[in-house]
Protein backbone atom coordinates (compact mmCIF):
# COMPACT_ATOMS: atom_id res chain seq x y z
CA MET A 1 0.00 0.00 0.00
CA ARG A 2 1.38 3.41 -0.91
CA TYR A 3 0.64 6.41 1.24
CA SER A 4 -0.07 9.89 -0.07
CA SER A 5 2.37 11.50 2.33
CA PRO A 6 5.59 10.49 4.10
CA ARG A 7 5.21 8.46 7.29
CA PHE A 8 7.30 7.83 10.40
CA ARG A 9 8.29 4.18 10.87
CA VAL A 10 9.80 2.21 13.72
CA CYS A 11 10.77 -1.44 14.00
CA LYS A 12 10.84 -3.64 17.10
CA SER A 13 12.73 -6.93 16.80
CA PHE A 14 12.31 -10.11 18.82
CA THR A 15 14.40 -13.29 18.78
CA VAL A 16 13.09 -16.79 19.44
CA GLU A 17 14.54 -20.28 19.19
CA SER A 18 11.84 -21.90 17.15
CA GLY A 19 11.32 -25.32 15.64
CA HIS A 20 8.99 -26.47 12.92
CA MET A 21 8.18 -29.43 10.69
CA LEU A 22 6.85 -29.03 7.16
CA SER A 23 4.83 -32.17 6.49
CA LYS A 24 4.17 -31.15 2.87
CA HIS A 25 7.85 -30.52 2.08
CA PRO A 26 9.47 -33.02 -0.31
CA GLY A 27 12.89 -32.88 1.38
CA SER A 28 14.53 -32.81 4.78
CA CYS A 29 12.40 -29.90 6.06
CA LYS A 30 9.75 -32.55 6.71
CA GLN A 31 11.84 -33.56 9.73
CA PRO A 32 11.80 -31.60 13.00
CA HIS A 33 14.38 -28.81 12.85
CA GLY A 34 14.95 -25.44 14.41
CA HIS A 35 15.96 -21.88 13.66
CA THR A 36 17.04 -18.82 15.55
CA ARG A 37 14.30 -16.58 14.24
CA ARG A 38 14.40 -12.81 14.31
CA ILE A 39 10.92 -11.30 14.09
CA GLU A 40 10.67 -7.68 13.01
CA VAL A 41 7.49 -5.69 13.61
CA VAL A 42 7.29 -2.46 11.57
CA VAL A 43 4.68 0.12 12.52
CA SER A 44 4.08 3.63 11.24
CA ALA A 45 2.17 6.83 11.85
CA ASP A 46 1.65 9.99 9.86
CA ARG A 47 2.53 12.10 12.91
CA LEU A 48 4.38 11.65 16.17
CA ASP A 49 2.55 11.35 19.48
CA GLY A 50 2.81 13.72 22.43
CA HIS A 51 6.16 12.15 23.38
CA GLU A 52 7.59 12.74 19.86
CA MET A 53 7.34 9.01 19.07
CA VAL A 54 5.48 6.76 16.64
CA VAL A 55 4.94 4.43 19.57
CA ASP A 56 6.98 3.72 22.67
CA PHE A 57 9.15 0.66 21.94
CA LYS A 58 8.40 -0.66 25.42
CA ALA A 59 4.64 -0.39 24.86
CA LEU A 60 4.94 -2.29 21.58
CA LYS A 61 7.09 -4.93 23.24
CA LEU A 62 4.67 -5.40 26.12
CA ALA A 63 1.70 -5.59 23.74
CA VAL A 64 3.10 -8.42 21.62
CA GLU A 65 5.93 -10.24 23.38
CA GLY A 66 3.65 -12.81 25.03
CA PHE A 67 2.18 -13.82 21.70
CA ILE A 68 5.55 -13.94 19.93
CA GLY A 69 7.02 -15.75 22.94
CA GLN A 70 4.83 -18.78 22.27
CA PHE A 71 7.28 -19.68 19.49
CA ASP A 72 10.32 -19.73 21.78
CA HIS A 73 11.51 -23.28 22.43
CA THR A 74 8.42 -24.81 20.87
CA MET A 75 7.73 -26.81 17.71
CA ALA A 76 5.29 -25.46 15.13
CA VAL A 77 3.40 -28.21 13.31
CA ASN A 78 0.54 -28.75 10.88
CA SER A 79 -2.55 -30.06 12.68
CA GLN A 80 -2.56 -32.95 10.21
CA ASP A 81 1.09 -33.95 10.72
CA PRO A 82 1.27 -37.70 11.45
CA LEU A 83 3.79 -37.10 14.27
CA ARG A 84 1.67 -34.52 16.08
CA ALA A 85 -0.05 -36.89 18.52
CA SER A 86 3.14 -38.63 19.60
CA MET A 87 4.96 -35.31 19.99
CA GLU A 88 2.15 -33.98 22.18
CA GLN A 89 2.44 -37.07 24.39
CA VAL A 90 6.20 -36.80 24.77
CA TYR A 91 6.35 -32.99 25.02
CA PRO A 92 2.96 -31.74 26.27
CA GLY A 93 2.42 -28.02 25.80
CA SER A 94 5.39 -27.60 23.49
CA LEU A 95 3.59 -27.43 20.15
CA VAL A 96 2.18 -24.47 18.24
CA VAL A 97 -0.42 -26.05 15.97
CA PHE A 98 -1.42 -24.53 12.64
CA GLU A 99 -4.80 -25.76 11.44
CA ASN A 100 -4.36 -27.64 8.15
CA GLN A 101 -1.31 -25.54 7.23
CA ASP A 102 2.38 -26.20 7.29
CA PRO A 103 4.03 -23.62 9.56
CA THR A 104 6.30 -22.18 6.90
CA THR A 105 8.00 -18.91 7.67
CA GLU A 106 5.44 -17.20 5.41
CA VAL A 107 2.53 -18.70 7.38
CA ILE A 108 4.15 -17.76 10.70
CA ALA A 109 4.66 -14.15 9.50
CA LYS A 110 0.96 -13.84 8.60
CA PHE A 111 -0.12 -15.46 11.88
CA ILE A 112 1.91 -12.93 13.88
CA PHE A 113 0.77 -10.05 11.64
CA ASP A 114 -2.91 -10.87 12.14
CA PHE A 115 -2.53 -10.88 15.93
CA ILE A 116 -0.55 -7.64 16.13
CA ASP A 117 -2.84 -5.90 13.65
CA ASP A 118 -5.80 -6.69 15.90
CA VAL A 119 -3.96 -5.44 19.00
CA LEU A 120 -3.08 -2.14 17.33
CA LYS A 121 -6.60 -1.62 16.02
CA THR A 122 -8.19 -2.23 19.43
CA GLY A 123 -5.40 -0.64 21.50
CA TYR A 124 -3.25 -1.81 24.37
CA GLN A 125 -2.80 -0.79 27.98
CA GLY A 126 -0.44 -2.52 30.38
CA GLU A 127 2.35 -2.21 32.91
CA SER A 128 6.02 -3.02 32.91
CA LYS A 129 7.54 -5.07 35.73
CA SER A 130 8.57 -1.81 37.37
CA GLY A 131 4.93 -0.66 37.44
CA THR A 132 5.19 1.95 34.68
CA SER A 133 1.97 2.21 32.65
CA TYR A 134 2.10 2.00 28.86
CA LYS A 135 -0.66 2.62 26.35
CA ILE A 136 -1.15 2.33 22.62
CA PRO A 137 -4.38 4.13 21.74
CA PRO A 138 -6.66 2.24 19.31
CA GLY A 139 -5.72 2.91 15.70
CA SER A 140 -2.89 5.29 16.61
CA VAL A 141 -0.31 3.32 14.63
CA LEU A 142 -0.50 1.18 11.54
CA LEU A 143 1.14 -2.23 11.28
CA GLU A 144 2.99 -2.20 7.99
CA ARG A 145 4.68 -5.58 8.03
CA VAL A 146 6.01 -8.48 10.01
CA ARG A 147 9.26 -9.96 8.76
CA VAL A 148 10.39 -13.34 10.08
CA TRP A 149 13.99 -14.33 9.51
CA GLU A 150 14.49 -18.09 9.20
CA THR A 151 18.26 -17.89 8.72
CA PRO A 152 20.70 -14.97 8.57
CA SER A 153 20.15 -14.85 4.80
CA SER A 154 16.46 -15.84 4.41
CA TRP A 155 13.24 -14.20 5.53
CA ALA A 156 9.53 -14.06 4.78
CA GLU A 157 7.32 -11.04 5.23
CA TYR A 158 3.62 -10.32 5.43
CA GLY A 159 2.06 -6.87 5.19
CA ASP A 160 1.50 -3.90 2.93
């Protein structure tokens, strides 16, 4: 999507140790394997807020880190993967299940985008561990894209 005027943009990055299995893949990616994934969340606004920011990085982190954190030290699998049931028995609570979809990096990027987009549209209010309050007013920033790095040289992105 192109905008009619310049916009301010910021990016917040997260890192997770994330595994996945691609049951539809013809090669070795069908097997369980892992990646150190960097997840970049890019948001924008046409004007800065009262603190001269697009959004406070801490507010953005607090709003989404729990959702992104579900990928850390877990295995993403297709709900139809033949190994799913046995993996759930051996490692209960360690799977992120994608309904009838292989959890490719592209699918993961869209999954994260959809969640964050909803959070930013409805707004966020929360506290840091130190008790400082943070707020993202509904619709105050636009999620432009989520980029998920699978390796240092390969990424997938979802967004405008």
